[in-house]
Amino acid sequence: MASLLKDPLFETSGMAPAPNRTYCYLTITKSEVIWRWWKISLRAVDRLAGPGEVKLSHQEMLEDKQLQGEITTVFGQDVLDHAKTLCQGHFNYLEHLSDALLLHILGFLELEDVGQLLRTSRQFWKLCQSEEYWENAVQQRCSTLPDEVVALARDIGWRRIFFTNKIQLQLLIHRHRVKLQEDKNEPFLKSFRMILSCIRTSIRLVYDHGLLWNLSGLNKIIF
């Protein structure tokens, strides 16, 4: 399992709270903790001071209360707790698995369990909301998927397909079929409208020209 771990195990960056305008960067690898900082100031004496860096072993980080306090100040208690957990050798191997393998594992879980799992990390939230997960869920529920269902899913999403009952699904398929037919006929209708517009314009021109000609003849009779 250790081969699944890739450096860095964790990294984050951020600005220290005012008035201490210091940019900080925390990196945790499999062998050490790296803490970098760079004070941002308009004072000349501060501008001359370059960025600083400290490298510690995992055990040294666990014993360094000053560094732990700085991490808490900049990033909060949750980040410090996570950093200490990593330095103690407690790794979340699931976070290092490929998305394809995680999606395969999710396929064995009940929907209620998936709902709980997506709250544990951003990665699981993204996977559990993905089209790939819901497509797999629909395929597991249905032995076969008609082409119309697949085409409909491309428009409205697999998640909506999963939570739609059979009657509603038939209605959606019908509406989708009508929409496809309308889209198919749209080029013909557009051409027909253009031709009709040209005919109307021509009729109007002929009518206007004939009316002018009649008025011209009437003037000749009167005068």
Protein backbone atom coordinates (compact mmCIF):
# COMPACT_ATOMS: atom_id res chain seq x y z
CA MET A 1 0.00 0.00 0.00
CA ALA A 2 2.90 2.35 0.62
CA SER A 3 3.61 2.37 -3.11
CA LEU A 4 0.29 4.19 -3.62
CA LEU A 5 1.60 7.22 -1.75
CA LYS A 6 3.06 9.95 -3.92
CA ASP A 7 4.82 13.13 -2.87
CA PRO A 8 3.70 15.54 -1.75
CA LEU A 9 1.25 13.95 0.65
CA PHE A 10 -0.23 17.36 1.38
CA GLU A 11 0.43 20.97 0.48
CA THR A 12 -1.34 24.25 1.00
CA SER A 13 -0.57 27.96 0.98
CA GLY A 14 -2.16 31.12 2.26
CA MET A 15 -1.78 34.55 3.80
CA ALA A 16 -1.38 35.04 7.52
CA PRO A 17 -4.14 37.14 9.13
CA ALA A 18 -3.70 40.90 9.46
CA PRO A 19 -1.69 42.78 10.50
CA ASN A 20 0.97 40.14 9.82
CA ARG A 21 1.04 40.12 6.00
CA THR A 22 3.13 36.98 5.58
CA TYR A 23 2.62 34.47 2.79
CA CYS A 24 3.08 30.90 4.07
CA TYR A 25 3.46 27.56 2.33
CA LEU A 26 3.19 24.13 3.98
CA THR A 27 4.31 20.90 2.31
CA ILE A 28 4.34 17.42 3.80
CA THR A 29 6.20 14.66 1.98
CA LYS A 30 6.78 11.05 2.92
CA SER A 31 9.99 12.01 4.73
CA GLU A 32 9.78 15.63 5.89
CA VAL A 33 7.76 18.76 6.56
CA ILE A 34 8.63 21.96 4.68
CA TRP A 35 7.50 25.33 6.02
CA ARG A 36 8.16 28.42 3.90
CA TRP A 37 7.25 32.04 4.53
CA TRP A 38 7.70 35.40 2.85
CA LYS A 39 6.80 38.62 4.59
CA ILE A 40 5.08 41.13 2.32
CA SER A 41 5.65 44.71 3.44
CA LEU A 42 6.20 48.23 2.09
CA ARG A 43 8.99 48.82 4.60
CA ALA A 44 12.44 48.78 3.06
CA VAL A 45 13.91 46.72 5.88
CA ASP A 46 11.30 44.01 5.29
CA ARG A 47 11.76 44.05 1.53
CA LEU A 48 15.44 43.24 1.99
CA ALA A 49 14.55 40.11 3.93
CA GLY A 50 14.08 37.20 1.56
CA PRO A 51 11.79 34.22 2.00
CA GLY A 52 12.50 31.76 4.81
CA GLU A 53 12.36 27.99 4.88
CA VAL A 54 12.46 25.30 7.54
CA LYS A 55 12.65 21.56 6.93
CA LEU A 56 11.84 19.11 9.70
CA SER A 57 11.33 15.40 10.05
CA HIS A 58 7.85 14.16 10.88
CA GLN A 59 8.82 13.58 14.49
CA GLU A 60 10.37 17.04 14.80
CA MET A 61 7.19 18.62 13.50
CA LEU A 62 5.14 16.74 16.11
CA GLU A 63 7.40 18.15 18.84
CA ASP A 64 7.65 21.72 17.49
CA LYS A 65 4.88 23.62 19.30
CA GLN A 66 5.92 26.95 17.76
CA LEU A 67 5.50 25.66 14.21
CA GLN A 68 2.19 24.05 15.14
CA GLY A 69 1.00 27.40 16.46
CA GLU A 70 1.99 29.16 13.23
CA ILE A 71 0.18 26.53 11.13
CA THR A 72 -2.94 26.96 13.26
CA THR A 73 -2.79 30.76 12.96
CA VAL A 74 -2.48 30.72 9.18
CA PHE A 75 -4.49 27.65 8.13
CA GLY A 76 -6.62 26.72 11.13
CA GLN A 77 -6.90 23.79 13.52
CA ASP A 78 -8.24 21.36 10.90
CA VAL A 79 -5.12 21.70 8.76
CA LEU A 80 -2.88 21.23 11.79
CA ASP A 81 -4.77 18.09 12.83
CA HIS A 82 -4.47 16.69 9.30
CA ALA A 83 -0.75 17.51 9.19
CA LYS A 84 -0.14 15.79 12.54
CA THR A 85 -2.10 12.75 11.38
CA LEU A 86 0.13 12.42 8.32
CA CYS A 87 3.28 12.87 10.40
CA GLN A 88 2.07 10.08 12.70
CA GLY A 89 1.91 7.75 9.70
CA HIS A 90 -1.88 7.61 9.39
CA PHE A 91 -2.52 7.86 5.66
CA ASN A 92 -5.79 7.83 3.76
CA TYR A 93 -4.91 5.42 0.98
CA LEU A 94 -8.28 5.86 -0.73
CA GLU A 95 -7.31 9.39 -1.72
CA HIS A 96 -4.39 8.00 -3.71
CA LEU A 97 -6.39 5.48 -5.74
CA SER A 98 -7.31 6.24 -9.34
CA ASP A 99 -10.77 7.59 -10.09
CA ALA A 100 -11.58 4.51 -12.18
CA LEU A 101 -10.81 2.18 -9.27
CA LEU A 102 -12.74 4.35 -6.80
CA LEU A 103 -15.77 4.37 -9.10
CA HIS A 104 -15.59 0.57 -9.22
CA ILE A 105 -15.53 0.44 -5.41
CA LEU A 106 -18.45 2.87 -5.16
CA GLY A 107 -20.50 0.49 -7.28
CA PHE A 108 -20.60 -1.98 -4.36
CA LEU A 109 -22.01 0.56 -1.89
CA GLU A 110 -25.63 1.30 -1.11
CA LEU A 111 -26.94 4.71 -2.13
CA GLU A 112 -27.25 5.79 1.52
CA ASP A 113 -23.58 4.92 2.12
CA VAL A 114 -22.54 6.91 -0.94
CA GLY A 115 -24.47 9.89 0.42
CA GLN A 116 -22.40 9.70 3.61
CA LEU A 117 -19.12 9.10 1.78
CA LEU A 118 -19.36 12.18 -0.44
CA ARG A 119 -19.25 14.34 2.70
CA THR A 120 -15.84 13.03 3.75
CA SER A 121 -13.67 14.76 1.13
CA ARG A 122 -13.77 16.95 -1.93
CA GLN A 123 -12.53 14.08 -4.09
CA PHE A 124 -15.39 11.77 -3.08
CA TRP A 125 -17.92 14.57 -3.45
CA LYS A 126 -16.71 15.14 -7.01
CA LEU A 127 -16.78 11.43 -7.86
CA CYS A 128 -20.22 10.81 -6.33
CA GLN A 129 -21.63 13.72 -8.32
CA SER A 130 -19.97 12.70 -11.58
CA GLU A 131 -21.81 11.46 -14.65
CA GLU A 132 -19.60 8.35 -14.64
CA TYR A 133 -20.86 7.26 -11.21
CA TRP A 134 -24.54 7.75 -12.05
CA GLU A 135 -24.15 6.03 -15.41
CA ASN A 136 -22.68 3.00 -13.63
CA ALA A 137 -25.53 3.14 -11.10
CA VAL A 138 -28.16 3.10 -13.86
CA GLN A 139 -26.41 0.26 -15.69
CA GLN A 140 -26.34 -1.82 -12.49
CA ARG A 141 -30.06 -1.27 -11.97
CA CYS A 142 -31.07 -2.03 -15.59
CA SER A 143 -30.04 -5.15 -17.48
CA THR A 144 -30.25 -3.34 -20.82
CA LEU A 145 -30.39 0.32 -21.76
CA PRO A 146 -32.32 1.34 -24.89
CA ASP A 147 -30.58 3.78 -27.20
CA GLU A 148 -33.30 6.34 -26.49
CA VAL A 149 -32.47 6.27 -22.77
CA VAL A 150 -28.77 6.76 -23.49
CA ALA A 151 -29.55 9.68 -25.82
CA LEU A 152 -31.86 11.21 -23.21
CA ALA A 153 -29.18 10.86 -20.51
CA ARG A 154 -26.78 12.90 -22.63
CA ASP A 155 -29.26 15.76 -22.49
CA ILE A 156 -30.60 15.63 -18.92
CA GLY A 157 -27.87 13.67 -17.11
CA TRP A 158 -27.63 10.14 -15.70
CA ARG A 159 -28.48 11.24 -12.17
CA ARG A 160 -31.94 12.40 -13.25
CA ILE A 161 -32.42 9.14 -15.16
CA PHE A 162 -31.59 7.19 -11.98
CA PHE A 163 -34.24 8.96 -9.89
CA THR A 164 -36.97 8.92 -12.57
CA ASN A 165 -39.71 6.28 -12.42
CA LYS A 166 -40.81 4.34 -15.50
CA ILE A 167 -43.87 6.46 -16.29
CA GLN A 168 -41.95 9.72 -16.04
CA LEU A 169 -39.13 8.20 -18.06
CA GLN A 170 -41.50 7.28 -20.89
CA LEU A 171 -42.84 10.83 -20.90
CA LEU A 172 -39.32 12.27 -21.03
CA ILE A 173 -38.39 9.91 -23.86
CA HIS A 174 -41.48 11.02 -25.81
CA ARG A 175 -40.65 14.70 -25.33
CA HIS A 176 -37.05 14.05 -26.31
CA ARG A 177 -38.20 12.21 -29.45
CA VAL A 178 -40.44 15.15 -30.42
CA LYS A 179 -37.61 17.60 -29.80
CA LEU A 180 -35.24 15.59 -31.99
CA GLN A 181 -37.83 15.54 -34.77
CA GLU A 182 -38.30 19.31 -34.46
CA ASP A 183 -34.55 19.84 -34.58
CA LYS A 184 -34.38 17.59 -37.63
CA ASN A 185 -37.10 19.60 -39.41
CA GLU A 186 -35.70 22.96 -38.36
CA PRO A 187 -33.46 23.45 -41.47
CA PHE A 188 -36.46 22.73 -43.76
CA LEU A 189 -38.72 25.06 -41.78
CA LYS A 190 -36.08 27.78 -41.86
CA SER A 191 -35.77 27.49 -45.64
CA PHE A 192 -39.56 27.47 -45.99
CA ARG A 193 -39.85 30.65 -43.91
CA MET A 194 -37.21 32.36 -46.05
CA ILE A 195 -39.04 31.38 -49.27
CA LEU A 196 -42.36 32.54 -47.82
CA SER A 197 -40.81 35.86 -46.82
CA CYS A 198 -39.45 36.35 -50.34
CA ILE A 199 -42.88 35.59 -51.85
CA ARG A 200 -44.57 38.09 -49.56
CA THR A 201 -42.00 40.74 -50.46
CA SER A 202 -42.49 40.09 -54.16
CA ILE A 203 -46.28 40.30 -53.87
CA ARG A 204 -45.98 43.57 -51.96
CA LEU A 205 -43.71 45.05 -54.65
CA VAL A 206 -46.05 43.94 -57.44
CA TYR A 207 -49.04 45.39 -55.60
CA ASP A 208 -47.29 48.71 -54.95
CA HIS A 209 -46.12 48.94 -58.57
CA GLY A 210 -49.62 48.19 -59.91
CA LEU A 211 -51.19 50.76 -57.62
CA LEU A 212 -48.77 53.44 -58.80
CA TRP A 213 -49.51 52.52 -62.42
CA ASN A 214 -53.28 52.87 -61.84
CA LEU A 215 -52.82 56.23 -60.14
CA SER A 216 -50.68 57.40 -63.05
CA GLY A 217 -53.42 56.43 -65.54
CA LEU A 218 -56.05 58.22 -63.45
CA ASN A 219 -54.02 61.42 -63.46
CA LYS A 220 -53.82 61.32 -67.25
CA ILE A 221 -57.62 61.07 -67.51
CA ILE A 222 -58.24 63.93 -65.08
CA PHE A 223 -55.72 66.31 -66.56
